[in-house]
Amino acid sequence: MANTFSQIYLQFVFAVQNRQSLIAKGYKEELHKYFTALVQNRKAKMLAVNCMPDHTHLFVGFKPSVLISDFVKEIKVESAEFVNDKNWVNGKFNWQEGYGVFSYSHSHIDKVAKYVLNQEVHHQRKTFKQEYLSLLQKFEIPFEDRYLFEFIEY
């Protein structure tokens, strides 16, 4: 559309089905590259990606012509197929239903990218459940516990 200028910055967070720790450290780099290609193929820009053993963070520069729900659904389906095609896990790999998506201003790009890239350090102090709940609370997103990810307590 002529004379339409925008940039939207979104952080996506989604978990491995049943919160199992299935993303091995040795596969992270290849999975990060695959996520980046998936994002770029949808005319978006990967700002940061980090796969933890049981969840993933994507920080993406977006255009308003992209439907967020379709974007994340396609990314999750195609990345799960990729993991299964690589036979990286015993059995079938899936992402859990649902996701979190959080928006940021241009002035927050560096801070959010560093946050995503430093997940290993961050999770030495906070569990994924604590992190996810704090994001929902910080962004004042109403939620019901029954619709949250299926958390496995250790």
C-alpha atoms as a PDB file:
ATOM      1  CA  MET A   1       0.000   0.000   0.000  1.00  0.00           C
ATOM      2  CA  ALA A   2       1.449   3.377  -0.980  1.00  0.00           C
ATOM      3  CA  ASN A   3       2.441   5.793   1.766  1.00  0.00           C
ATOM      4  CA  THR A   4       2.203   3.159   4.493  1.00  0.00           C
ATOM      5  CA  PHE A   5       5.306   2.936   6.644  1.00  0.00           C
ATOM      6  CA  SER A   6       5.607   0.786   9.736  1.00  0.00           C
ATOM      7  CA  GLN A   7       7.744  -1.614  11.701  1.00  0.00           C
ATOM      8  CA  ILE A   8       6.444  -3.840  14.474  1.00  0.00           C
ATOM      9  CA  TYR A   9       8.728  -5.649  16.918  1.00  0.00           C
ATOM     10  CA  LEU A  10       7.372  -8.850  18.427  1.00  0.00           C
ATOM     11  CA  GLN A  11       8.832 -11.445  20.772  1.00  0.00           C
ATOM     12  CA  PHE A  12       7.307 -14.920  20.409  1.00  0.00           C
ATOM     13  CA  VAL A  13       7.632 -17.527  23.143  1.00  0.00           C
ATOM     14  CA  PHE A  14       6.469 -21.107  22.753  1.00  0.00           C
ATOM     15  CA  ALA A  15       7.201 -24.387  24.512  1.00  0.00           C
ATOM     16  CA  VAL A  16       8.012 -27.947  23.559  1.00  0.00           C
ATOM     17  CA  GLN A  17       4.995 -30.233  23.993  1.00  0.00           C
ATOM     18  CA  ASN A  18       4.655 -31.294  27.637  1.00  0.00           C
ATOM     19  CA  ARG A  19       7.603 -28.998  28.390  1.00  0.00           C
ATOM     20  CA  GLN A  20      10.038 -31.812  27.704  1.00  0.00           C
ATOM     21  CA  SER A  21      13.703 -30.863  27.348  1.00  0.00           C
ATOM     22  CA  LEU A  22      14.112 -32.084  23.769  1.00  0.00           C
ATOM     23  CA  ILE A  23      16.162 -29.355  22.094  1.00  0.00           C
ATOM     24  CA  ALA A  24      19.743 -30.530  22.533  1.00  0.00           C
ATOM     25  CA  LYS A  25      22.487 -27.929  22.746  1.00  0.00           C
ATOM     26  CA  GLY A  26      24.261 -29.515  19.771  1.00  0.00           C
ATOM     27  CA  TYR A  27      21.271 -28.819  17.503  1.00  0.00           C
ATOM     28  CA  LYS A  28      20.577 -25.234  18.577  1.00  0.00           C
ATOM     29  CA  GLU A  29      22.692 -23.473  15.953  1.00  0.00           C
ATOM     30  CA  GLU A  30      21.143 -25.399  13.069  1.00  0.00           C
ATOM     31  CA  LEU A  31      17.637 -24.850  14.463  1.00  0.00           C
ATOM     32  CA  HIS A  32      18.369 -21.115  14.909  1.00  0.00           C
ATOM     33  CA  LYS A  33      19.409 -20.905  11.241  1.00  0.00           C
ATOM     34  CA  TYR A  34      16.261 -22.744  10.210  1.00  0.00           C
ATOM     35  CA  PHE A  35      14.028 -20.421  12.254  1.00  0.00           C
ATOM     36  CA  THR A  36      15.809 -17.435  10.704  1.00  0.00           C
ATOM     37  CA  ALA A  37      15.152 -18.750   7.191  1.00  0.00           C
ATOM     38  CA  LEU A  38      11.474 -19.384   8.041  1.00  0.00           C
ATOM     39  CA  VAL A  39      11.117 -15.817   9.323  1.00  0.00           C
ATOM     40  CA  GLN A  40      12.895 -14.296   6.306  1.00  0.00           C
ATOM     41  CA  ASN A  41      10.766 -16.354   3.905  1.00  0.00           C
ATOM     42  CA  ARG A  42       7.762 -14.559   5.392  1.00  0.00           C
ATOM     43  CA  LYS A  43       9.244 -11.105   4.682  1.00  0.00           C
ATOM     44  CA  ALA A  44      10.062 -10.531   8.352  1.00  0.00           C
ATOM     45  CA  LYS A  45      13.425  -9.874  10.010  1.00  0.00           C
ATOM     46  CA  MET A  46      14.923 -12.088  12.714  1.00  0.00           C
ATOM     47  CA  LEU A  47      16.362  -9.836  15.418  1.00  0.00           C
ATOM     48  CA  ALA A  48      17.229 -12.609  17.893  1.00  0.00           C
ATOM     49  CA  VAL A  49      16.490 -16.297  18.388  1.00  0.00           C
ATOM     50  CA  ASN A  50      17.281 -18.674  21.212  1.00  0.00           C
ATOM     51  CA  CYS A  51      16.108 -22.223  21.698  1.00  0.00           C
ATOM     52  CA  MET A  52      16.259 -23.534  25.224  1.00  0.00           C
ATOM     53  CA  PRO A  53      15.826 -27.284  25.821  1.00  0.00           C
ATOM     54  CA  ASP A  54      12.103 -26.832  26.523  1.00  0.00           C
ATOM     55  CA  HIS A  55      11.078 -23.556  24.844  1.00  0.00           C
ATOM     56  CA  THR A  56      12.007 -21.011  22.194  1.00  0.00           C
ATOM     57  CA  HIS A  57      12.181 -17.217  21.929  1.00  0.00           C
ATOM     58  CA  LEU A  58      11.987 -15.435  18.571  1.00  0.00           C
ATOM     59  CA  PHE A  59      12.346 -11.646  18.365  1.00  0.00           C
ATOM     60  CA  VAL A  60      11.122 -10.477  14.980  1.00  0.00           C
ATOM     61  CA  GLY A  61      10.704  -7.248  13.010  1.00  0.00           C
ATOM     62  CA  PHE A  62       7.290  -7.484  11.381  1.00  0.00           C
ATOM     63  CA  LYS A  63       5.203  -5.804   8.705  1.00  0.00           C
ATOM     64  CA  PRO A  64       1.482  -5.194   9.338  1.00  0.00           C
ATOM     65  CA  SER A  65       0.488  -7.200   6.260  1.00  0.00           C
ATOM     66  CA  VAL A  66       1.427 -10.443   8.049  1.00  0.00           C
ATOM     67  CA  LEU A  67      -1.231 -12.129  10.168  1.00  0.00           C
ATOM     68  CA  ILE A  68       0.450 -12.973  13.485  1.00  0.00           C
ATOM     69  CA  SER A  69      -1.535 -16.149  14.161  1.00  0.00           C
ATOM     70  CA  ASP A  70      -0.751 -17.580  10.711  1.00  0.00           C
ATOM     71  CA  PHE A  71       2.902 -16.613  11.038  1.00  0.00           C
ATOM     72  CA  VAL A  72       3.479 -18.385  14.348  1.00  0.00           C
ATOM     73  CA  LYS A  73       1.404 -21.421  13.347  1.00  0.00           C
ATOM     74  CA  GLU A  74       3.436 -21.899  10.165  1.00  0.00           C
ATOM     75  CA  ILE A  75       6.737 -21.361  11.981  1.00  0.00           C
ATOM     76  CA  LYS A  76       5.837 -23.943  14.633  1.00  0.00           C
ATOM     77  CA  VAL A  77       4.563 -26.528  12.122  1.00  0.00           C
ATOM     78  CA  GLU A  78       7.538 -26.211   9.780  1.00  0.00           C
ATOM     79  CA  SER A  79      10.145 -26.196  12.559  1.00  0.00           C
ATOM     80  CA  ALA A  80       8.577 -29.300  14.167  1.00  0.00           C
ATOM     81  CA  GLU A  81       8.683 -31.041  10.773  1.00  0.00           C
ATOM     82  CA  PHE A  82      12.342 -30.025  10.460  1.00  0.00           C
ATOM     83  CA  VAL A  83      13.223 -31.510  13.877  1.00  0.00           C
ATOM     84  CA  ASN A  84      11.327 -34.717  13.034  1.00  0.00           C
ATOM     85  CA  ASP A  85      12.978 -35.005   9.605  1.00  0.00           C
ATOM     86  CA  LYS A  86      16.379 -34.697  11.309  1.00  0.00           C
ATOM     87  CA  ASN A  87      15.444 -37.451  13.804  1.00  0.00           C
ATOM     88  CA  TRP A  88      16.800 -35.366  16.665  1.00  0.00           C
ATOM     89  CA  VAL A  89      14.409 -36.878  19.207  1.00  0.00           C
ATOM     90  CA  ASN A  90      13.044 -40.324  19.986  1.00  0.00           C
ATOM     91  CA  GLY A  91       9.401 -40.360  18.975  1.00  0.00           C
ATOM     92  CA  LYS A  92       7.607 -37.375  17.496  1.00  0.00           C
ATOM     93  CA  PHE A  93       8.566 -33.762  18.276  1.00  0.00           C
ATOM     94  CA  ASN A  94       5.819 -31.170  18.668  1.00  0.00           C
ATOM     95  CA  TRP A  95       5.391 -27.705  20.065  1.00  0.00           C
ATOM     96  CA  GLN A  96       2.661 -27.180  22.635  1.00  0.00           C
ATOM     97  CA  GLU A  97      -0.520 -25.460  21.560  1.00  0.00           C
ATOM     98  CA  GLY A  98      -0.505 -21.728  22.009  1.00  0.00           C
ATOM     99  CA  TYR A  99       2.223 -19.147  22.338  1.00  0.00           C
ATOM    100  CA  GLY A 100       3.013 -15.799  23.891  1.00  0.00           C
ATOM    101  CA  VAL A 101       3.581 -12.724  21.758  1.00  0.00           C
ATOM    102  CA  PHE A 102       4.805  -9.447  23.207  1.00  0.00           C
ATOM    103  CA  SER A 103       5.288  -6.134  21.394  1.00  0.00           C
ATOM    104  CA  TYR A 104       8.112  -3.638  21.861  1.00  0.00           C
ATOM    105  CA  SER A 105       9.065  -0.190  20.635  1.00  0.00           C
ATOM    106  CA  HIS A 106      12.094   0.527  18.468  1.00  0.00           C
ATOM    107  CA  SER A 107      13.968   1.873  21.499  1.00  0.00           C
ATOM    108  CA  HIS A 108      13.789  -1.573  23.156  1.00  0.00           C
ATOM    109  CA  ILE A 109      15.358  -3.596  20.326  1.00  0.00           C
ATOM    110  CA  ASP A 110      18.842  -3.921  21.860  1.00  0.00           C
ATOM    111  CA  LYS A 111      17.546  -4.733  25.332  1.00  0.00           C
ATOM    112  CA  VAL A 112      15.088  -7.394  24.120  1.00  0.00           C
ATOM    113  CA  ALA A 113      17.632  -8.950  21.737  1.00  0.00           C
ATOM    114  CA  LYS A 114      20.148  -9.242  24.608  1.00  0.00           C
ATOM    115  CA  TYR A 115      17.432 -10.748  26.811  1.00  0.00           C
ATOM    116  CA  VAL A 116      16.632 -13.392  24.176  1.00  0.00           C
ATOM    117  CA  LEU A 117      20.293 -14.178  23.510  1.00  0.00           C
ATOM    118  CA  ASN A 118      21.090 -14.496  27.249  1.00  0.00           C
ATOM    119  CA  GLN A 119      18.433 -17.110  28.054  1.00  0.00           C
ATOM    120  CA  GLU A 120      20.934 -19.630  29.435  1.00  0.00           C
ATOM    121  CA  VAL A 121      22.119 -17.142  32.066  1.00  0.00           C
ATOM    122  CA  HIS A 122      18.594 -15.890  32.700  1.00  0.00           C
ATOM    123  CA  HIS A 123      17.320 -19.412  33.403  1.00  0.00           C
ATOM    124  CA  GLN A 124      19.955 -20.008  36.041  1.00  0.00           C
ATOM    125  CA  ARG A 125      17.875 -17.638  38.187  1.00  0.00           C
ATOM    126  CA  LYS A 126      14.342 -18.143  36.869  1.00  0.00           C
ATOM    127  CA  THR A 127      12.369 -21.117  35.606  1.00  0.00           C
ATOM    128  CA  PHE A 128      10.530 -20.927  32.301  1.00  0.00           C
ATOM    129  CA  LYS A 129       7.238 -20.858  34.191  1.00  0.00           C
ATOM    130  CA  GLN A 130       8.398 -17.897  36.307  1.00  0.00           C
ATOM    131  CA  GLU A 131       9.672 -16.127  33.193  1.00  0.00           C
ATOM    132  CA  TYR A 132       6.467 -16.675  31.229  1.00  0.00           C
ATOM    133  CA  LEU A 133       4.209 -15.594  34.096  1.00  0.00           C
ATOM    134  CA  SER A 134       6.305 -12.463  34.622  1.00  0.00           C
ATOM    135  CA  LEU A 135       5.966 -11.556  30.914  1.00  0.00           C
ATOM    136  CA  LEU A 136       2.188 -11.981  31.089  1.00  0.00           C
ATOM    137  CA  GLN A 137       2.061  -9.824  34.222  1.00  0.00           C
ATOM    138  CA  LYS A 138       4.472  -7.186  32.887  1.00  0.00           C
ATOM    139  CA  PHE A 139       2.348  -6.779  29.759  1.00  0.00           C
ATOM    140  CA  GLU A 140      -0.856  -6.907  31.829  1.00  0.00           C
ATOM    141  CA  ILE A 141      -2.229  -9.786  29.783  1.00  0.00           C
ATOM    142  CA  PRO A 142      -5.179 -11.438  31.484  1.00  0.00           C
ATOM    143  CA  PHE A 143      -4.951 -15.233  31.558  1.00  0.00           C
ATOM    144  CA  GLU A 144      -6.474 -18.295  33.131  1.00  0.00           C
ATOM    145  CA  ASP A 145      -4.157 -20.938  34.560  1.00  0.00           C
ATOM    146  CA  ARG A 146      -5.973 -23.702  32.696  1.00  0.00           C
ATOM    147  CA  TYR A 147      -4.924 -22.139  29.374  1.00  0.00           C
ATOM    148  CA  LEU A 148      -1.256 -21.780  30.208  1.00  0.00           C
ATOM    149  CA  PHE A 149       1.345 -24.187  28.935  1.00  0.00           C
ATOM    150  CA  GLU A 150       1.384 -27.615  30.520  1.00  0.00           C
ATOM    151  CA  PHE A 151       4.182 -27.091  33.011  1.00  0.00           C
ATOM    152  CA  ILE A 152       6.188 -30.033  34.286  1.00  0.00           C
ATOM    153  CA  GLU A 153       7.496 -29.347  37.767  1.00  0.00           C
ATOM    154  CA  TYR A 154      10.884 -30.804  38.706  1.00  0.00           C
END
